[in-house]
Amino acid sequence: MPKIVVIGSINMDLVALCARFPAPGETLIGERFFTSHGGKGANQAVAARRLGAEVSFIGRVGDDDFGRELLAGLQQEGVNTRHVAVTPGVASGVASITVSGGENAIVVVPGANHVLSPDDVRQAEAEIASADVLLIQLEIPLETVAEVARLAERHGVPLILNPAPAQALPVELLARVAYLTPNQHELMQLLGDTTVSGLESLPVSLAGKVVLTQGAEGAAYADADGRLRHQPGLAVDVVDSTGAGDTFNAALAVFLGLGIEVALKRAVAAGALAVTQPGARGGMPTAVQLDAFLVGSGQR
């Protein structure tokens, strides 16, 4: 099994299901409320572990009830948490999520995630060096992301950067990344161009590096020669799209060793399964479930 090291955020998700999204200043009566373990980093770690990878996580939680519960949840999933630090005097990260019609609106309060430092990453350098693939997002400080990229380059470990939440990124950071996995909005932010609609006009510096996630339509990839490949989405009954992108990224990391085309196919299928259950992790498939879904969909 591949070894995946994930560096990123851990949040407690506070989820409200509603018939529609409230307008500004409006109060709605919701249909259901629940809490679930989340954070893009932790979600990706759990998804990769369920798909059969050996997974280590680097991050921070607060010294509070949420932090203790979140840490226990990762351990129960089989994720190595030796490099997850407990941060006194800082709250654990939380995400307030409203779900309606399978779509979601999310407000994240980072808490301890924003205390994760470059020094934390350097202390886990041996763990990073031992990985087959590194996976990171942008819910932690950008200087910490940059340090991960430097260590990835130093040790020759491919780095997948999920550029969410969207923001402009330094050229030197992008140069050290093996793959970027933006959605359409994030791609526009990366390129600084709101008119971009696909991968046809990527700069030379990003050639062969960008995997564009397209929700229900699947994903697209442009190789280093500019040839476009599209992996179509798979039809499922959508319950909650929270965590679908995290599942996609995890599957891409887990199956990257099989080649980008195979990894794309499996990542799209895993992301489709993720939306069929409520909560960020409710629909994350196991390797057996993913294989069965691919067979049933005629993808194997």
C-alpha atoms as a PDB file:
ATOM      1  CA  MET A   1       0.000   0.000   0.000  1.00  0.00           C
ATOM      2  CA  PRO A   2       1.245   3.533  -0.682  1.00  0.00           C
ATOM      3  CA  LYS A   3       2.220   5.791   2.199  1.00  0.00           C
ATOM      4  CA  ILE A   4       0.430   9.141   2.123  1.00  0.00           C
ATOM      5  CA  VAL A   5       1.385  11.988   4.433  1.00  0.00           C
ATOM      6  CA  VAL A   6      -1.305  14.652   4.742  1.00  0.00           C
ATOM      7  CA  ILE A   7      -0.542  18.087   6.146  1.00  0.00           C
ATOM      8  CA  GLY A   8      -3.523  20.296   6.880  1.00  0.00           C
ATOM      9  CA  SER A   9      -6.578  21.287   8.852  1.00  0.00           C
ATOM     10  CA  ILE A  10      -8.744  19.484  11.387  1.00  0.00           C
ATOM     11  CA  ASN A  11     -12.198  20.924  12.112  1.00  0.00           C
ATOM     12  CA  MET A  12     -15.401  20.069  13.863  1.00  0.00           C
ATOM     13  CA  ASP A  13     -18.210  20.506  11.331  1.00  0.00           C
ATOM     14  CA  LEU A  14     -21.473  22.002  12.608  1.00  0.00           C
ATOM     15  CA  VAL A  15     -23.993  21.037   9.932  1.00  0.00           C
ATOM     16  CA  ALA A  16     -27.513  22.379   9.388  1.00  0.00           C
ATOM     17  CA  LEU A  17     -29.793  20.902   6.704  1.00  0.00           C
ATOM     18  CA  CYS A  18     -32.324  23.381   5.301  1.00  0.00           C
ATOM     19  CA  ALA A  19     -34.931  23.479   2.523  1.00  0.00           C
ATOM     20  CA  ARG A  20     -33.077  26.469   1.050  1.00  0.00           C
ATOM     21  CA  PHE A  21     -30.243  28.825   1.913  1.00  0.00           C
ATOM     22  CA  PRO A  22     -31.211  31.844   4.036  1.00  0.00           C
ATOM     23  CA  ALA A  23     -31.048  35.328   2.555  1.00  0.00           C
ATOM     24  CA  PRO A  24     -28.964  37.982   4.372  1.00  0.00           C
ATOM     25  CA  GLY A  25     -30.703  38.909   7.623  1.00  0.00           C
ATOM     26  CA  GLU A  26     -33.181  36.032   7.343  1.00  0.00           C
ATOM     27  CA  THR A  27     -33.785  33.329   9.982  1.00  0.00           C
ATOM     28  CA  LEU A  28     -34.897  29.913   8.748  1.00  0.00           C
ATOM     29  CA  ILE A  29     -36.106  26.831  10.608  1.00  0.00           C
ATOM     30  CA  GLY A  30     -33.766  24.016   9.669  1.00  0.00           C
ATOM     31  CA  GLU A  31     -34.672  20.392   9.061  1.00  0.00           C
ATOM     32  CA  ARG A  32     -31.803  18.698  10.896  1.00  0.00           C
ATOM     33  CA  PHE A  33     -28.543  19.454  12.737  1.00  0.00           C
ATOM     34  CA  PHE A  34     -25.536  17.267  13.436  1.00  0.00           C
ATOM     35  CA  THR A  35     -21.821  17.529  14.122  1.00  0.00           C
ATOM     36  CA  SER A  36     -19.211  15.614  12.188  1.00  0.00           C
ATOM     37  CA  HIS A  37     -15.453  15.453  12.047  1.00  0.00           C
ATOM     38  CA  GLY A  38     -13.987  17.521   9.213  1.00  0.00           C
ATOM     39  CA  GLY A  39     -11.292  19.889   8.011  1.00  0.00           C
ATOM     40  CA  LYS A  40      -9.976  19.445   4.496  1.00  0.00           C
ATOM     41  CA  GLY A  41      -6.733  17.894   5.702  1.00  0.00           C
ATOM     42  CA  ALA A  42      -8.316  15.440   8.116  1.00  0.00           C
ATOM     43  CA  ASN A  43     -10.996  14.526   5.575  1.00  0.00           C
ATOM     44  CA  GLN A  44      -8.356  13.721   2.988  1.00  0.00           C
ATOM     45  CA  ALA A  45      -6.422  11.641   5.500  1.00  0.00           C
ATOM     46  CA  VAL A  46      -9.496   9.583   6.401  1.00  0.00           C
ATOM     47  CA  ALA A  47     -10.480   9.112   2.755  1.00  0.00           C
ATOM     48  CA  ALA A  48      -6.980   7.920   1.855  1.00  0.00           C
ATOM     49  CA  ARG A  49      -6.925   5.507   4.797  1.00  0.00           C
ATOM     50  CA  ARG A  50     -10.303   4.024   3.851  1.00  0.00           C
ATOM     51  CA  LEU A  51      -8.985   3.466   0.344  1.00  0.00           C
ATOM     52  CA  GLY A  52      -6.208   1.322   1.768  1.00  0.00           C
ATOM     53  CA  ALA A  53      -3.223   3.649   2.098  1.00  0.00           C
ATOM     54  CA  GLU A  54      -0.925   3.933   5.090  1.00  0.00           C
ATOM     55  CA  VAL A  55      -1.610   7.477   6.273  1.00  0.00           C
ATOM     56  CA  SER A  56       0.168   9.891   8.618  1.00  0.00           C
ATOM     57  CA  PHE A  57      -1.223  13.300   9.485  1.00  0.00           C
ATOM     58  CA  ILE A  58       0.549  16.530  10.446  1.00  0.00           C
ATOM     59  CA  GLY A  59      -1.627  19.205  12.057  1.00  0.00           C
ATOM     60  CA  ARG A  60      -2.867  20.891  15.229  1.00  0.00           C
ATOM     61  CA  VAL A  61      -5.977  20.774  17.422  1.00  0.00           C
ATOM     62  CA  GLY A  62      -6.949  22.871  20.421  1.00  0.00           C
ATOM     63  CA  ASP A  63      -6.773  21.672  24.018  1.00  0.00           C
ATOM     64  CA  ASP A  64     -10.571  21.350  24.185  1.00  0.00           C
ATOM     65  CA  ASP A  65     -13.361  18.792  23.868  1.00  0.00           C
ATOM     66  CA  PHE A  66     -13.557  19.187  20.094  1.00  0.00           C
ATOM     67  CA  GLY A  67      -9.808  18.658  19.788  1.00  0.00           C
ATOM     68  CA  ARG A  68      -9.823  15.490  21.860  1.00  0.00           C
ATOM     69  CA  GLU A  69     -12.781  14.109  19.898  1.00  0.00           C
ATOM     70  CA  LEU A  70     -11.222  14.983  16.541  1.00  0.00           C
ATOM     71  CA  LEU A  71      -7.917  13.374  17.459  1.00  0.00           C
ATOM     72  CA  ALA A  72      -9.648  10.198  18.667  1.00  0.00           C
ATOM     73  CA  GLY A  73     -11.648  10.088  15.444  1.00  0.00           C
ATOM     74  CA  LEU A  74      -8.519  10.071  13.300  1.00  0.00           C
ATOM     75  CA  GLN A  75      -6.990   7.355  15.432  1.00  0.00           C
ATOM     76  CA  GLN A  76     -10.121   5.216  15.164  1.00  0.00           C
ATOM     77  CA  GLU A  77      -9.858   5.454  11.373  1.00  0.00           C
ATOM     78  CA  GLY A  78      -6.293   4.121  11.549  1.00  0.00           C
ATOM     79  CA  VAL A  79      -4.518   7.410  10.778  1.00  0.00           C
ATOM     80  CA  ASN A  80      -1.110   7.904  12.431  1.00  0.00           C
ATOM     81  CA  THR A  81      -1.462  11.060  14.580  1.00  0.00           C
ATOM     82  CA  ARG A  82       2.034  11.149  16.100  1.00  0.00           C
ATOM     83  CA  HIS A  83       2.582  14.559  14.500  1.00  0.00           C
ATOM     84  CA  VAL A  84      -0.732  16.129  15.529  1.00  0.00           C
ATOM     85  CA  ALA A  85       0.020  18.669  18.275  1.00  0.00           C
ATOM     86  CA  VAL A  86      -2.404  19.787  20.990  1.00  0.00           C
ATOM     87  CA  THR A  87      -2.338  23.593  21.287  1.00  0.00           C
ATOM     88  CA  PRO A  88      -3.076  25.114  24.719  1.00  0.00           C
ATOM     89  CA  GLY A  89      -5.105  28.321  24.831  1.00  0.00           C
ATOM     90  CA  VAL A  90      -6.380  28.036  21.257  1.00  0.00           C
ATOM     91  CA  ALA A  91      -9.717  26.598  20.148  1.00  0.00           C
ATOM     92  CA  SER A  92      -9.899  23.750  17.673  1.00  0.00           C
ATOM     93  CA  GLY A  93     -11.006  24.683  14.167  1.00  0.00           C
ATOM     94  CA  VAL A  94     -14.712  24.639  13.361  1.00  0.00           C
ATOM     95  CA  ALA A  95     -16.760  24.861  10.167  1.00  0.00           C
ATOM     96  CA  SER A  96     -20.358  26.060  10.061  1.00  0.00           C
ATOM     97  CA  ILE A  97     -21.994  24.272   7.120  1.00  0.00           C
ATOM     98  CA  THR A  98     -25.453  24.829   5.668  1.00  0.00           C
ATOM     99  CA  VAL A  99     -26.668  22.146   3.244  1.00  0.00           C
ATOM    100  CA  SER A 100     -29.578  22.536   0.839  1.00  0.00           C
ATOM    101  CA  GLY A 101     -30.443  20.488  -2.236  1.00  0.00           C
ATOM    102  CA  GLY A 102     -27.110  18.681  -2.158  1.00  0.00           C
ATOM    103  CA  GLU A 103     -25.121  21.949  -2.247  1.00  0.00           C
ATOM    104  CA  ASN A 104     -23.387  23.579   0.702  1.00  0.00           C
ATOM    105  CA  ALA A 105     -22.252  26.948   2.045  1.00  0.00           C
ATOM    106  CA  ILE A 106     -19.368  26.878   4.533  1.00  0.00           C
ATOM    107  CA  VAL A 107     -17.789  29.306   6.994  1.00  0.00           C
ATOM    108  CA  VAL A 108     -14.504  28.073   8.508  1.00  0.00           C
ATOM    109  CA  VAL A 109     -12.988  29.431  11.747  1.00  0.00           C
ATOM    110  CA  PRO A 110      -9.406  28.047  11.629  1.00  0.00           C
ATOM    111  CA  GLY A 111      -8.475  28.122  15.335  1.00  0.00           C
ATOM    112  CA  ALA A 112      -5.489  25.855  16.010  1.00  0.00           C
ATOM    113  CA  ASN A 113      -5.031  25.175  12.301  1.00  0.00           C
ATOM    114  CA  HIS A 114      -3.514  28.640  11.901  1.00  0.00           C
ATOM    115  CA  VAL A 115      -0.913  27.857  14.558  1.00  0.00           C
ATOM    116  CA  LEU A 116       0.566  25.023  12.465  1.00  0.00           C
ATOM    117  CA  SER A 117       4.030  26.378  11.705  1.00  0.00           C
ATOM    118  CA  PRO A 118       6.965  25.676   9.393  1.00  0.00           C
ATOM    119  CA  ASP A 119       8.824  24.407  12.466  1.00  0.00           C
ATOM    120  CA  ASP A 120       6.068  21.829  13.083  1.00  0.00           C
ATOM    121  CA  VAL A 121       6.642  20.581   9.553  1.00  0.00           C
ATOM    122  CA  ARG A 122      10.436  20.515   9.933  1.00  0.00           C
ATOM    123  CA  GLN A 123      10.064  18.406  13.074  1.00  0.00           C
ATOM    124  CA  ALA A 124       8.194  15.844  10.945  1.00  0.00           C
ATOM    125  CA  GLU A 125      10.763  15.880   8.113  1.00  0.00           C
ATOM    126  CA  ALA A 126      11.596  12.190   8.471  1.00  0.00           C
ATOM    127  CA  GLU A 127       7.903  11.331   8.121  1.00  0.00           C
ATOM    128  CA  ILE A 128       7.636  13.509   5.027  1.00  0.00           C
ATOM    129  CA  ALA A 129      10.763  12.004   3.491  1.00  0.00           C
ATOM    130  CA  SER A 130       9.328   8.481   3.904  1.00  0.00           C
ATOM    131  CA  ALA A 131       6.101   9.244   2.002  1.00  0.00           C
ATOM    132  CA  ASP A 132       5.158   8.062  -1.483  1.00  0.00           C
ATOM    133  CA  VAL A 133       2.906  11.116  -1.934  1.00  0.00           C
ATOM    134  CA  LEU A 134       2.308  14.296   0.074  1.00  0.00           C
ATOM    135  CA  LEU A 135      -1.121  15.922   0.159  1.00  0.00           C
ATOM    136  CA  ILE A 136      -1.777  19.474   1.355  1.00  0.00           C
ATOM    137  CA  GLN A 137      -4.426  22.228   1.222  1.00  0.00           C
ATOM    138  CA  LEU A 138      -4.674  25.946   2.085  1.00  0.00           C
ATOM    139  CA  GLU A 139      -6.535  25.922   5.425  1.00  0.00           C
ATOM    140  CA  ILE A 140      -3.179  26.327   7.184  1.00  0.00           C
ATOM    141  CA  PRO A 141      -0.692  29.243   6.958  1.00  0.00           C
ATOM    142  CA  LEU A 142       0.832  29.739   3.507  1.00  0.00           C
ATOM    143  CA  GLU A 143       4.353  29.839   4.975  1.00  0.00           C
ATOM    144  CA  THR A 144       3.759  26.331   6.312  1.00  0.00           C
ATOM    145  CA  VAL A 145       2.532  25.144   2.917  1.00  0.00           C
ATOM    146  CA  ALA A 146       5.683  26.623   1.372  1.00  0.00           C
ATOM    147  CA  GLU A 147       7.882  24.737   3.857  1.00  0.00           C
ATOM    148  CA  VAL A 148       6.154  21.456   2.975  1.00  0.00           C
ATOM    149  CA  ALA A 149       6.850  22.170  -0.694  1.00  0.00           C
ATOM    150  CA  ARG A 150      10.537  22.823   0.036  1.00  0.00           C
ATOM    151  CA  LEU A 151      10.840  19.544   1.933  1.00  0.00           C
ATOM    152  CA  ALA A 152       8.982  17.674  -0.811  1.00  0.00           C
ATOM    153  CA  GLU A 153      11.467  18.975  -3.358  1.00  0.00           C
ATOM    154  CA  ARG A 154      14.429  18.167  -1.080  1.00  0.00           C
ATOM    155  CA  HIS A 155      13.358  14.547  -0.673  1.00  0.00           C
ATOM    156  CA  GLY A 156      11.916  13.975  -4.153  1.00  0.00           C
ATOM    157  CA  VAL A 157       8.375  13.250  -2.908  1.00  0.00           C
ATOM    158  CA  PRO A 158       5.524  14.250  -5.254  1.00  0.00           C
ATOM    159  CA  LEU A 159       3.257  16.906  -3.704  1.00  0.00           C
ATOM    160  CA  ILE A 160      -0.437  17.305  -4.513  1.00  0.00           C
ATOM    161  CA  LEU A 161      -1.721  20.751  -3.574  1.00  0.00           C
ATOM    162  CA  ASN A 162      -5.466  21.224  -3.304  1.00  0.00           C
ATOM    163  CA  PRO A 163      -5.605  25.063  -3.628  1.00  0.00           C
ATOM    164  CA  ALA A 164      -8.611  25.634  -1.394  1.00  0.00           C
ATOM    165  CA  PRO A 165      -9.694  28.059  -0.104  1.00  0.00           C
ATOM    166  CA  ALA A 166      -8.817  29.906  -3.321  1.00  0.00           C
ATOM    167  CA  GLN A 167      -5.981  32.406  -3.262  1.00  0.00           C
ATOM    168  CA  ALA A 168      -3.076  33.590  -5.363  1.00  0.00           C
ATOM    169  CA  LEU A 169       0.066  31.490  -4.854  1.00  0.00           C
ATOM    170  CA  PRO A 170       3.766  32.329  -5.189  1.00  0.00           C
ATOM    171  CA  VAL A 171       5.521  31.168  -8.353  1.00  0.00           C
ATOM    172  CA  GLU A 172       8.229  29.401  -6.336  1.00  0.00           C
ATOM    173  CA  LEU A 173       5.607  27.349  -4.503  1.00  0.00           C
ATOM    174  CA  LEU A 174       3.859  26.317  -7.721  1.00  0.00           C
ATOM    175  CA  ALA A 175       7.198  25.261  -9.192  1.00  0.00           C
ATOM    176  CA  ARG A 176       7.624  22.668  -6.427  1.00  0.00           C
ATOM    177  CA  VAL A 177       4.174  21.105  -6.789  1.00  0.00           C
ATOM    178  CA  ALA A 178       3.614  17.911  -8.782  1.00  0.00           C
ATOM    179  CA  TYR A 179      -0.152  18.396  -9.170  1.00  0.00           C
ATOM    180  CA  LEU A 180      -2.642  21.175  -8.436  1.00  0.00           C
ATOM    181  CA  THR A 181      -6.306  20.218  -8.070  1.00  0.00           C
ATOM    182  CA  PRO A 182      -8.434  23.377  -8.354  1.00  0.00           C
ATOM    183  CA  ASN A 183     -12.111  23.667  -9.160  1.00  0.00           C
ATOM    184  CA  GLN A 184     -13.153  26.296 -11.707  1.00  0.00           C
ATOM    185  CA  HIS A 185     -13.269  29.153  -9.180  1.00  0.00           C
ATOM    186  CA  GLU A 186      -9.900  28.193  -7.724  1.00  0.00           C
ATOM    187  CA  LEU A 187      -8.373  27.956 -11.196  1.00  0.00           C
ATOM    188  CA  MET A 188      -9.438  31.530 -11.953  1.00  0.00           C
ATOM    189  CA  GLN A 189      -7.834  32.665  -8.696  1.00  0.00           C
ATOM    190  CA  LEU A 190      -4.625  30.795  -9.488  1.00  0.00           C
ATOM    191  CA  LEU A 191      -4.342  32.359 -12.931  1.00  0.00           C
ATOM    192  CA  GLY A 192      -5.651  35.784 -11.925  1.00  0.00           C
ATOM    193  CA  ASP A 193      -8.135  35.621 -14.809  1.00  0.00           C
ATOM    194  CA  THR A 194     -11.899  35.493 -14.272  1.00  0.00           C
ATOM    195  CA  THR A 195     -12.504  34.621 -17.931  1.00  0.00           C
ATOM    196  CA  VAL A 196     -10.746  31.245 -17.778  1.00  0.00           C
ATOM    197  CA  SER A 197     -13.165  28.389 -18.428  1.00  0.00           C
ATOM    198  CA  GLY A 198     -10.870  25.375 -18.756  1.00  0.00           C
ATOM    199  CA  LEU A 199      -7.332  24.125 -19.237  1.00  0.00           C
ATOM    200  CA  GLU A 200      -6.791  25.229 -22.821  1.00  0.00           C
ATOM    201  CA  SER A 201      -4.646  28.262 -21.995  1.00  0.00           C
ATOM    202  CA  LEU A 202      -2.494  27.223 -19.050  1.00  0.00           C
ATOM    203  CA  PRO A 203       0.882  28.964 -18.741  1.00  0.00           C
ATOM    204  CA  VAL A 204       3.927  26.865 -19.591  1.00  0.00           C
ATOM    205  CA  SER A 205       4.908  26.816 -15.897  1.00  0.00           C
ATOM    206  CA  LEU A 206       1.755  24.827 -15.063  1.00  0.00           C
ATOM    207  CA  ALA A 207       1.850  22.440 -18.004  1.00  0.00           C
ATOM    208  CA  GLY A 208       1.105  18.902 -16.887  1.00  0.00           C
ATOM    209  CA  LYS A 209       0.410  19.994 -13.318  1.00  0.00           C
ATOM    210  CA  VAL A 210      -3.286  20.909 -13.211  1.00  0.00           C
ATOM    211  CA  VAL A 211      -6.170  18.521 -12.562  1.00  0.00           C
ATOM    212  CA  LEU A 212      -9.411  20.494 -12.821  1.00  0.00           C
ATOM    213  CA  THR A 213     -12.277  19.135 -10.722  1.00  0.00           C
ATOM    214  CA  GLN A 214     -15.677  19.689 -12.362  1.00  0.00           C
ATOM    215  CA  GLY A 215     -18.202  18.372  -9.845  1.00  0.00           C
ATOM    216  CA  ALA A 216     -20.818  16.135 -11.439  1.00  0.00           C
ATOM    217  CA  GLU A 217     -19.059  16.486 -14.810  1.00  0.00           C
ATOM    218  CA  GLY A 218     -15.933  14.703 -13.555  1.00  0.00           C
ATOM    219  CA  ALA A 219     -12.410  16.045 -13.984  1.00  0.00           C
ATOM    220  CA  ALA A 220     -10.040  17.273 -16.686  1.00  0.00           C
ATOM    221  CA  TYR A 221      -6.278  17.111 -17.077  1.00  0.00           C
ATOM    222  CA  ALA A 222      -3.892  18.707 -19.546  1.00  0.00           C
ATOM    223  CA  ASP A 223      -0.596  16.880 -19.939  1.00  0.00           C
ATOM    224  CA  ALA A 224       2.780  18.547 -20.446  1.00  0.00           C
ATOM    225  CA  ASP A 225       2.183  18.634 -24.229  1.00  0.00           C
ATOM    226  CA  GLY A 226      -1.178  20.342 -23.817  1.00  0.00           C
ATOM    227  CA  ARG A 227      -3.286  17.304 -24.675  1.00  0.00           C
ATOM    228  CA  LEU A 228      -6.591  17.464 -22.805  1.00  0.00           C
ATOM    229  CA  ARG A 229      -8.115  14.452 -21.089  1.00  0.00           C
ATOM    230  CA  HIS A 230     -11.568  14.399 -19.570  1.00  0.00           C
ATOM    231  CA  GLN A 231     -12.796  11.808 -17.089  1.00  0.00           C
ATOM    232  CA  PRO A 232     -16.620  11.966 -17.141  1.00  0.00           C
ATOM    233  CA  GLY A 233     -18.589  12.070 -13.913  1.00  0.00           C
ATOM    234  CA  LEU A 234     -20.773   9.179 -12.769  1.00  0.00           C
ATOM    235  CA  ALA A 235     -24.493   9.515 -12.083  1.00  0.00           C
ATOM    236  CA  VAL A 236     -25.455   9.142  -8.409  1.00  0.00           C
ATOM    237  CA  ASP A 237     -28.182  10.412  -6.112  1.00  0.00           C
ATOM    238  CA  VAL A 238     -26.710  13.528  -4.493  1.00  0.00           C
ATOM    239  CA  VAL A 239     -27.370  13.923  -0.769  1.00  0.00           C
ATOM    240  CA  ASP A 240     -24.535  16.175   0.415  1.00  0.00           C
ATOM    241  CA  SER A 241     -21.542  17.394  -1.607  1.00  0.00           C
ATOM    242  CA  THR A 242     -19.469  18.205   1.507  1.00  0.00           C
ATOM    243  CA  GLY A 243     -16.217  16.247   1.383  1.00  0.00           C
ATOM    244  CA  ALA A 244     -16.482  15.188  -2.264  1.00  0.00           C
ATOM    245  CA  GLY A 245     -13.459  17.229  -3.285  1.00  0.00           C
ATOM    246  CA  ASP A 246     -11.471  15.903  -0.341  1.00  0.00           C
ATOM    247  CA  THR A 247     -12.314  12.346  -1.347  1.00  0.00           C
ATOM    248  CA  PHE A 248     -11.265  13.073  -4.931  1.00  0.00           C
ATOM    249  CA  ASN A 249      -7.900  14.440  -3.787  1.00  0.00           C
ATOM    250  CA  ALA A 250      -7.265  11.512  -1.470  1.00  0.00           C
ATOM    251  CA  ALA A 251      -8.022   8.973  -4.194  1.00  0.00           C
ATOM    252  CA  LEU A 252      -5.784  10.827  -6.632  1.00  0.00           C
ATOM    253  CA  ALA A 253      -2.939  10.564  -4.110  1.00  0.00           C
ATOM    254  CA  VAL A 254      -3.591   6.899  -3.288  1.00  0.00           C
ATOM    255  CA  PHE A 255      -3.714   5.755  -6.922  1.00  0.00           C
ATOM    256  CA  LEU A 256      -1.163   8.147  -8.428  1.00  0.00           C
ATOM    257  CA  GLY A 257       1.412   5.367  -8.602  1.00  0.00           C
ATOM    258  CA  LEU A 258      -0.822   3.598 -11.161  1.00  0.00           C
ATOM    259  CA  GLY A 259      -0.589   6.539 -13.567  1.00  0.00           C
ATOM    260  CA  ILE A 260      -2.589   9.715 -13.903  1.00  0.00           C
ATOM    261  CA  GLU A 261      -5.335   8.231 -16.103  1.00  0.00           C
ATOM    262  CA  VAL A 262      -6.102   5.400 -13.676  1.00  0.00           C
ATOM    263  CA  ALA A 263      -5.858   7.779 -10.733  1.00  0.00           C
ATOM    264  CA  LEU A 264      -8.301  10.207 -12.386  1.00  0.00           C
ATOM    265  CA  LYS A 265     -10.832   7.463 -13.078  1.00  0.00           C
ATOM    266  CA  ARG A 266     -10.748   6.211  -9.512  1.00  0.00           C
ATOM    267  CA  ALA A 267     -10.735   9.709  -8.017  1.00  0.00           C
ATOM    268  CA  VAL A 268     -13.852  10.707  -9.956  1.00  0.00           C
ATOM    269  CA  ALA A 269     -15.629   7.522  -8.875  1.00  0.00           C
ATOM    270  CA  ALA A 270     -14.628   7.986  -5.224  1.00  0.00           C
ATOM    271  CA  GLY A 271     -15.824  11.602  -5.305  1.00  0.00           C
ATOM    272  CA  ALA A 272     -19.157  10.482  -6.742  1.00  0.00           C
ATOM    273  CA  LEU A 273     -19.675   7.964  -3.941  1.00  0.00           C
ATOM    274  CA  ALA A 274     -18.837  10.634  -1.363  1.00  0.00           C
ATOM    275  CA  VAL A 275     -21.939  12.713  -2.182  1.00  0.00           C
ATOM    276  CA  THR A 276     -24.383   9.867  -1.590  1.00  0.00           C
ATOM    277  CA  GLN A 277     -24.396  10.185   2.222  1.00  0.00           C
ATOM    278  CA  PRO A 278     -24.656  13.178   4.589  1.00  0.00           C
ATOM    279  CA  GLY A 279     -21.571  14.649   6.242  1.00  0.00           C
ATOM    280  CA  ALA A 280     -18.062  15.180   4.975  1.00  0.00           C
ATOM    281  CA  ARG A 281     -17.044  11.574   5.660  1.00  0.00           C
ATOM    282  CA  GLY A 282     -20.345   9.688   5.547  1.00  0.00           C
ATOM    283  CA  GLY A 283     -19.966   8.616   1.925  1.00  0.00           C
ATOM    284  CA  MET A 284     -16.194   8.202   1.742  1.00  0.00           C
ATOM    285  CA  PRO A 285     -15.751   4.723   0.259  1.00  0.00           C
ATOM    286  CA  THR A 286     -13.524   1.856   1.259  1.00  0.00           C
ATOM    287  CA  ALA A 287     -11.360   0.250  -1.410  1.00  0.00           C
ATOM    288  CA  VAL A 288     -13.857  -2.621  -1.689  1.00  0.00           C
ATOM    289  CA  GLN A 289     -16.794  -0.241  -2.123  1.00  0.00           C
ATOM    290  CA  LEU A 290     -14.929   1.742  -4.754  1.00  0.00           C
ATOM    291  CA  ASP A 291     -14.036  -1.384  -6.739  1.00  0.00           C
ATOM    292  CA  ALA A 292     -17.659  -2.571  -6.622  1.00  0.00           C
ATOM    293  CA  PHE A 293     -18.901   0.833  -7.795  1.00  0.00           C
ATOM    294  CA  LEU A 294     -16.422   0.885 -10.689  1.00  0.00           C
ATOM    295  CA  VAL A 295     -17.498  -2.595 -11.761  1.00  0.00           C
ATOM    296  CA  GLY A 296     -21.182  -1.671 -11.528  1.00  0.00           C
ATOM    297  CA  SER A 297     -20.558   1.495 -13.532  1.00  0.00           C
ATOM    298  CA  GLY A 298     -18.691  -0.351 -16.271  1.00  0.00           C
ATOM    299  CA  GLN A 299     -15.433   1.430 -15.409  1.00  0.00           C
ATOM    300  CA  ARG A 300     -13.338  -1.695 -14.733  1.00  0.00           C
END
